[in-house]
C-alpha cells in the first residue's frame, strides 16, 4: 500500500505540474515522498471542486461543488483523527500530516481557498488577490515547510511568500483560461484602470491592455520571490536546492509572460528542458550561497500571512471532535 501511494503521487505531479516535478527530484528520498503525497492531496482537492481530472476538463461533468467541498473538509477532519482513509489522495495526506505534525489550520486554510472559488469571491484590490493566493498557494508553502522540519516563524513567512509569488505567476499565465471558465483573480481596480470590463477579459481587442496588467502582476510577485530566497538558509541543503530551483522555474514563467506581451496567451507559457536544467543549476548555487549570508528582515510593505492565532478555532474544533 505504501509504494502504491507513492506511485499515485508521482504520477499525479508528473501530469499536474511538470515545473514542480523537475525540482521535486532534488529532495532527499524521505522529503520527496512527503512532498509528492502532499501535492497529490492538493491536486485532488482542486480537481474535485472544479470537476476536473489532474487539472483538465473543467466543467466536464455535472457536480455540486459546495457538497464536494464539504466532503473534502470532512475527509480532512477524519484524516487528522486517524481514521482509515480509502481514497489514495487522503491516505497520502494522512501519512504526511500525522508524520510531520502538520497544523490542521494549514490544511483547512487551504480548503478555504476552494470555498472562495465555489462562492465566486470578488477581488477588488491586490490585497484581496493576495488573500486568495495565501489560501491556495501560500499555505501550501507552509505545509511544505512543515515537511522540511521548519518551526521558525520567520522562515515560515518566507515559505508563504514563495507560495504567493507562485500563485501571482499562475494567475498572470492563466488569465484567459480562467476567464473562459468564468473566473477572474485580477484586482478589479487594476482592470478599471486599464479600461478592461471584467466580462470582456478574454476578448482579443483587450490583449494589449491585458498584457500591461499581467506585467504589473508579474512585477508585483518579484519582492515575494526575493523574500523567499532569504528563507533558503532555514532549510536543509537538499531541500533548499529543490525550493530554489522551483522558485527559479516559476519566476521564469512570469518573465516569459511579460516578454510575450499581448501574445502571452496564444500558447501556454513555460520553460524548456534545457532552461529547467540551467535553472536547477542556478538553484544549487543559490542554496549553497544562502549559507554564507545573514538574513535581512522581511520588508514591511509585503502582504502578511494570517498570524499563528488564525485558524486556531479550527484546531480547537478538531480537538473537541476527537
Protein backbone atom coordinates (compact mmCIF):
# COMPACT_ATOMS: atom_id res chain seq x y z
CA UNK A 1 0.00 0.00 0.00
CA UNK A 2 2.84 2.37 0.87
CA UNK A 3 4.51 2.02 -2.54
CA UNK A 4 1.14 2.27 -4.30
CA UNK A 5 0.55 5.63 -2.61
CA UNK A 6 3.95 6.89 -3.74
CA UNK A 7 3.32 5.69 -7.30
CA UNK A 8 -0.03 7.50 -7.31
CA UNK A 9 1.56 10.71 -6.02
CA UNK A 10 4.43 10.52 -8.52
CA UNK A 11 2.03 10.11 -11.43
CA UNK A 12 -0.10 12.99 -10.16
CA UNK A 13 2.75 15.51 -10.11
CA UNK A 14 4.16 14.26 -13.42
CA UNK A 15 0.87 15.13 -15.12
CA UNK A 16 -0.28 18.03 -12.98
CA UNK A 17 2.90 20.14 -12.69
CA UNK A 18 5.90 19.48 -14.89
CA UNK A 19 7.56 22.61 -13.48
CA UNK A 20 7.48 21.46 -9.87
CA UNK A 21 8.09 17.80 -10.76
CA UNK A 22 11.56 18.68 -12.06
CA UNK A 23 12.55 20.45 -8.84
CA UNK A 24 10.99 17.78 -6.62
CA UNK A 25 13.55 15.24 -7.82
CA UNK A 26 16.19 17.16 -5.88
CA UNK A 27 14.74 16.44 -2.43
CA UNK A 28 16.18 13.61 -0.35
CA UNK A 29 14.01 10.47 -0.74
CA UNK A 30 12.05 10.83 2.52
CA UNK A 31 11.26 14.50 1.95
CA UNK A 32 10.42 13.89 -1.68
CA UNK A 33 7.93 11.19 -0.71
CA UNK A 34 6.10 13.53 1.66
CA UNK A 35 6.19 16.45 -0.78
CA UNK A 36 4.73 14.33 -3.57
CA UNK A 37 2.00 12.99 -1.32
CA UNK A 38 1.05 16.47 -0.16
CA UNK A 39 0.93 17.62 -3.79
CA UNK A 40 -1.34 14.67 -4.66
CA UNK A 41 -3.81 15.75 -1.97
CA UNK A 42 -3.75 19.41 -3.06
CA UNK A 43 -4.27 18.41 -6.70
CA UNK A 44 -7.08 16.02 -5.75
CA UNK A 45 -8.95 18.67 -3.76
CA UNK A 46 -8.60 21.20 -6.57
CA UNK A 47 -9.85 18.70 -9.14
CA UNK A 48 -12.80 17.55 -7.04
CA UNK A 49 -14.05 21.10 -6.54
CA UNK A 50 -13.54 22.01 -10.21
CA UNK A 51 -14.90 18.75 -11.64
CA UNK A 52 -11.55 18.08 -13.31
CA UNK A 53 -9.01 15.30 -13.52
CA UNK A 54 -5.37 16.33 -12.96
CA UNK A 55 -6.19 19.89 -13.89
CA UNK A 56 -8.03 19.13 -17.13
CA UNK A 57 -11.65 19.16 -18.22
CA UNK A 58 -13.18 21.87 -16.04
CA UNK A 59 -16.93 21.53 -16.01
CA UNK A 60 -16.75 18.29 -17.95
CA UNK A 61 -19.08 16.57 -15.52
CA UNK A 62 -22.03 17.85 -13.55
CA UNK A 63 -21.24 18.13 -9.87
CA UNK A 64 -22.26 20.04 -6.76
CA UNK A 65 -19.08 21.95 -5.88
CA UNK A 66 -20.35 23.03 -2.47
CA UNK A 67 -21.25 19.49 -1.50
CA UNK A 68 -17.93 18.18 -2.83
CA UNK A 69 -16.06 20.79 -0.80
CA UNK A 70 -17.96 19.91 2.36
CA UNK A 71 -16.97 16.29 1.85
CA UNK A 72 -13.32 17.28 1.41
CA UNK A 73 -13.45 19.20 4.69
CA UNK A 74 -15.00 16.21 6.46
CA UNK A 75 -12.46 13.77 4.98
CA UNK A 76 -9.64 16.06 6.07
CA UNK A 77 -11.02 16.18 9.59
CA UNK A 78 -11.25 12.39 9.66
CA UNK A 79 -7.70 12.07 8.34
CA UNK A 80 -6.41 14.10 11.26
CA UNK A 81 -8.38 11.90 13.66
CA UNK A 82 -6.51 8.87 12.35
CA UNK A 83 -9.45 7.14 10.72
CA UNK A 84 -8.79 4.73 7.85
CA UNK A 85 -8.63 6.60 4.53
CA UNK A 86 -9.69 4.63 1.45
CA UNK A 87 -9.10 7.41 -1.07
CA UNK A 88 -5.40 7.33 -2.14
CA UNK A 89 -5.06 11.12 -2.02
CA UNK A 90 -6.37 11.25 1.55
CA UNK A 91 -4.33 8.23 2.63
CA UNK A 92 -1.28 10.07 1.32
CA UNK A 93 -2.29 13.28 3.08
CA UNK A 94 -2.92 11.48 6.35
CA UNK A 95 0.55 9.93 6.29
CA UNK A 96 2.16 13.32 5.71
CA UNK A 97 0.03 15.34 8.11
CA UNK A 98 0.41 12.97 11.05
CA UNK A 99 4.07 12.13 10.44
CA UNK A 100 5.11 15.78 10.32
CA UNK A 101 2.62 17.09 12.92
CA UNK A 102 1.27 19.49 10.32
CA UNK A 103 -1.04 22.04 11.97
CA UNK A 104 -4.67 21.36 10.96
CA UNK A 105 -5.23 25.06 10.37
CA UNK A 106 -2.90 24.90 7.36
CA UNK A 107 -4.99 22.20 5.66
CA UNK A 108 -8.29 23.89 6.47
CA UNK A 109 -6.97 27.26 5.33
CA UNK A 110 -6.11 25.62 2.02
CA UNK A 111 -9.63 24.24 1.65
CA UNK A 112 -10.96 27.73 2.42
CA UNK A 113 -9.32 28.85 -0.83
CA UNK A 114 -11.51 26.43 -2.78
CA UNK A 115 -14.50 27.86 -0.94
CA UNK A 116 -13.59 31.26 -2.38
CA UNK A 117 -13.88 29.75 -5.85
CA UNK A 118 -17.14 27.98 -5.05
CA UNK A 119 -18.64 31.18 -3.64
CA UNK A 120 -17.41 33.31 -6.55
CA UNK A 121 -15.32 35.67 -4.42
CA UNK A 122 -14.70 39.16 -5.84
CA UNK A 123 -11.18 40.58 -5.84
CA UNK A 124 -11.33 44.35 -5.69
CA UNK A 125 -7.76 45.12 -4.63
CA UNK A 126 -4.38 43.44 -4.90
CA UNK A 127 -4.66 42.61 -1.19
CA UNK A 128 -7.86 40.70 -1.98
CA UNK A 129 -5.99 38.78 -4.67
CA UNK A 130 -3.13 38.08 -2.25
CA UNK A 131 -5.59 36.75 0.31
CA UNK A 132 -6.74 34.23 -2.28
CA UNK A 133 -3.11 33.45 -3.14
CA UNK A 134 -2.45 32.73 0.52
CA UNK A 135 -5.21 30.16 0.73
CA UNK A 136 -4.47 28.28 -2.48
CA UNK A 137 -0.67 28.55 -2.51
CA UNK A 138 0.88 30.46 0.39
CA UNK A 139 -0.41 27.96 2.90
CA UNK A 140 0.91 25.13 0.70
CA UNK A 141 4.32 26.72 1.24
CA UNK A 142 3.68 26.49 4.98
CA UNK A 143 2.76 22.83 4.68
CA UNK A 144 5.83 22.11 2.57
CA UNK A 145 8.00 23.87 5.13
CA UNK A 146 6.46 21.72 7.86
CA UNK A 147 7.56 18.64 5.94
CA UNK A 148 11.10 20.05 5.91
CA UNK A 149 11.03 20.47 9.67
CA UNK A 150 10.66 24.25 9.76
CA UNK A 151 9.35 25.70 13.03
CA UNK A 152 10.81 29.20 12.88
CA UNK A 153 8.04 31.73 12.15
CA UNK A 154 10.38 33.93 10.10
CA UNK A 155 11.26 31.03 7.78
CA UNK A 156 7.58 30.09 7.54
CA UNK A 157 6.87 33.66 6.43
CA UNK A 158 9.36 33.22 3.59
CA UNK A 159 7.81 29.90 2.61
CA UNK A 160 4.43 31.58 2.43
CA UNK A 161 5.93 34.38 0.32
CA UNK A 162 7.11 31.82 -2.23
CA UNK A 163 3.61 30.40 -2.48
CA UNK A 164 2.22 33.90 -3.01
CA UNK A 165 4.74 34.55 -5.77
CA UNK A 166 3.94 31.21 -7.44
CA UNK A 167 0.24 31.96 -7.48
CA UNK A 168 0.64 35.50 -8.79
CA UNK A 169 2.66 33.97 -11.63
CA UNK A 170 0.00 31.32 -12.22
CA UNK A 171 -2.72 33.96 -12.35
CA UNK A 172 -0.80 36.00 -14.93
CA UNK A 173 -0.16 32.92 -17.08
CA UNK A 174 -3.75 31.64 -16.89
CA UNK A 175 -5.79 34.86 -17.23
CA UNK A 176 -7.55 33.86 -20.45
CA UNK A 177 -8.12 30.23 -19.43
CA UNK A 178 -9.57 31.37 -16.09
CA UNK A 179 -11.80 33.93 -17.81
CA UNK A 180 -13.14 31.25 -20.15
CA UNK A 181 -14.04 29.23 -17.04
CA UNK A 182 -15.85 32.21 -15.53
CA UNK A 183 -13.14 33.21 -13.07
CA UNK A 184 -11.04 36.30 -12.60
CA UNK A 185 -8.42 36.76 -9.88
CA UNK A 186 -7.07 40.08 -11.12
CA UNK A 187 -7.80 43.12 -8.94
CA UNK A 188 -10.92 44.84 -10.28
CA UNK A 189 -9.23 48.19 -9.59
CA UNK A 190 -6.42 47.31 -11.99
CA UNK A 191 -8.86 46.26 -14.70
CA UNK A 192 -10.80 49.51 -14.41
CA UNK A 193 -7.56 51.49 -14.63
CA UNK A 194 -6.67 49.54 -17.78
CA UNK A 195 -10.14 50.10 -19.29
CA UNK A 196 -10.99 46.39 -19.44
CA UNK A 197 -14.53 45.32 -18.48
CA UNK A 198 -14.24 42.12 -16.50
CA UNK A 199 -16.84 40.36 -18.63
CA UNK A 200 -14.73 41.14 -21.72
CA UNK A 201 -11.45 39.91 -20.27
CA UNK A 202 -10.92 37.16 -22.85
CA UNK A 203 -11.71 39.29 -25.91
CA UNK A 204 -8.75 39.76 -28.31
CA UNK A 205 -9.28 43.52 -28.55
CA UNK A 206 -8.15 43.91 -24.92
CA UNK A 207 -4.94 41.88 -25.24
CA UNK A 208 -2.55 44.85 -25.31
CA UNK A 209 -4.09 46.37 -22.20
CA UNK A 210 -4.31 42.96 -20.55
CA UNK A 211 -0.61 42.38 -21.20
CA UNK A 212 0.14 45.51 -19.18
CA UNK A 213 -1.99 44.24 -16.30
CA UNK A 214 -0.26 40.87 -16.45
CA UNK A 215 3.15 42.54 -16.44
CA UNK A 216 2.08 44.54 -13.40
CA UNK A 217 1.11 41.30 -11.65
CA UNK A 218 4.43 39.65 -12.56
CA UNK A 219 6.27 42.68 -11.20
CA UNK A 220 4.20 42.50 -8.01
CA UNK A 221 5.45 38.94 -7.48
CA UNK A 222 9.11 39.99 -7.56
CA UNK A 223 9.53 41.13 -3.93
CA UNK A 224 7.89 37.89 -2.78
CA UNK A 225 10.32 35.84 -4.87
CA UNK A 226 13.16 37.88 -3.36
CA UNK A 227 11.85 37.36 0.16
CA UNK A 228 11.52 33.62 -0.43
CA UNK A 229 15.21 33.40 -1.38
CA UNK A 230 16.17 34.61 2.08
CA UNK A 231 14.34 31.66 3.63
CA UNK A 232 16.57 29.12 1.88
CA UNK A 233 19.11 29.25 4.69
CA UNK A 234 16.47 27.89 7.08
CA UNK A 235 16.05 24.68 5.07
CA UNK A 236 18.19 21.54 4.85
CA UNK A 237 20.63 21.90 1.94
CA UNK A 238 18.94 19.50 -0.50
CA UNK A 239 15.53 20.97 0.30
CA UNK A 240 16.97 24.47 -0.24
CA UNK A 241 18.25 23.34 -3.65
CA UNK A 242 14.86 21.95 -4.64
CA UNK A 243 12.97 25.03 -3.45
CA UNK A 244 15.43 27.46 -5.05
CA UNK A 245 15.08 25.57 -8.32
CA UNK A 246 11.27 25.62 -8.17
CA UNK A 247 11.47 29.34 -7.44
CA UNK A 248 13.65 29.90 -10.49
CA UNK A 249 11.43 27.87 -12.81
CA UNK A 250 8.19 29.60 -11.76
CA UNK A 251 9.78 33.02 -11.81
CA UNK A 252 10.96 32.34 -15.36
CA UNK A 253 7.38 31.59 -16.40
CA UNK A 254 6.43 35.09 -15.24
CA UNK A 255 9.32 36.55 -17.20
CA UNK A 256 8.06 34.75 -20.32
CA UNK A 257 4.52 36.07 -19.78
CA UNK A 258 5.86 39.61 -19.51
CA UNK A 259 8.17 39.22 -22.51
CA UNK A 260 5.45 37.86 -24.80
CA UNK A 261 3.15 40.80 -24.12
CA UNK A 262 -0.16 40.55 -25.96
CA UNK A 263 0.86 37.10 -27.28
CA UNK A 264 1.28 35.65 -23.78
CA UNK A 265 -1.87 33.54 -24.05
CA UNK A 266 -1.52 32.27 -27.62
CA UNK A 267 0.23 29.19 -26.22
CA UNK A 268 0.84 28.20 -22.62
CA UNK A 269 3.94 29.87 -21.17
CA UNK A 270 6.53 27.52 -19.75
CA UNK A 271 10.21 26.58 -19.76
CA UNK A 272 12.10 24.12 -21.96
CA UNK A 273 14.05 21.15 -20.60
CA UNK A 274 17.30 22.98 -21.27
CA UNK A 275 16.06 26.04 -19.39
CA UNK A 276 14.95 23.87 -16.48
CA UNK A 277 18.40 22.27 -16.25
CA UNK A 278 20.03 25.69 -16.22
CA UNK A 279 17.61 26.96 -13.58
CA UNK A 280 18.19 23.86 -11.43
CA UNK A 281 21.90 24.57 -11.59
CA UNK A 282 21.30 28.16 -10.51
CA UNK A 283 19.18 26.78 -7.68
CA UNK A 284 22.12 24.75 -6.41
CA UNK A 285 24.32 27.85 -6.35
CA UNK A 286 21.61 29.80 -4.51
CA UNK A 287 21.21 27.03 -1.93
CA UNK A 288 24.95 26.97 -1.21
CA UNK A 289 25.32 30.75 -1.11
CA UNK A 290 22.37 31.07 1.26
CA UNK A 291 24.62 29.54 3.95
CA UNK A 292 27.07 32.41 3.64
CA UNK A 293 24.92 35.45 4.27
CA UNK A 294 22.90 36.88 7.14
CA UNK A 295 19.14 37.07 6.71
CA UNK A 296 17.77 40.62 6.34
CA UNK A 297 14.43 41.46 7.91
CA UNK A 298 11.35 40.82 5.81
CA UNK A 299 10.28 44.09 4.12
CA UNK A 300 7.42 45.84 5.91
CA UNK A 301 5.48 46.56 2.72
CA UNK A 302 4.77 42.92 1.86
CA UNK A 303 1.37 41.36 2.49
CA UNK A 304 1.47 39.39 5.73
CA UNK A 305 0.08 35.91 6.19
CA UNK A 306 -2.52 35.40 8.93
CA UNK A 307 -0.83 35.00 12.31
CA UNK A 308 -0.47 31.86 14.39
CA UNK A 309 -3.81 32.58 16.04
CA UNK A 310 -5.54 32.43 12.66
CA UNK A 311 -7.37 29.17 12.27
CA UNK A 312 -6.96 28.31 15.95
CA UNK A 313 -10.71 27.79 16.16
CA UNK A 314 -10.44 25.06 13.57
CA UNK A 315 -7.71 23.33 15.57
CA UNK A 316 -9.81 23.61 18.69
CA UNK A 317 -12.91 22.28 16.95
CA UNK A 318 -10.92 19.35 15.67
CA UNK A 319 -9.71 18.59 19.17
CA UNK A 320 -13.26 18.72 20.52
CA UNK A 321 -14.49 16.38 17.79
CA UNK A 322 -11.67 13.98 18.65
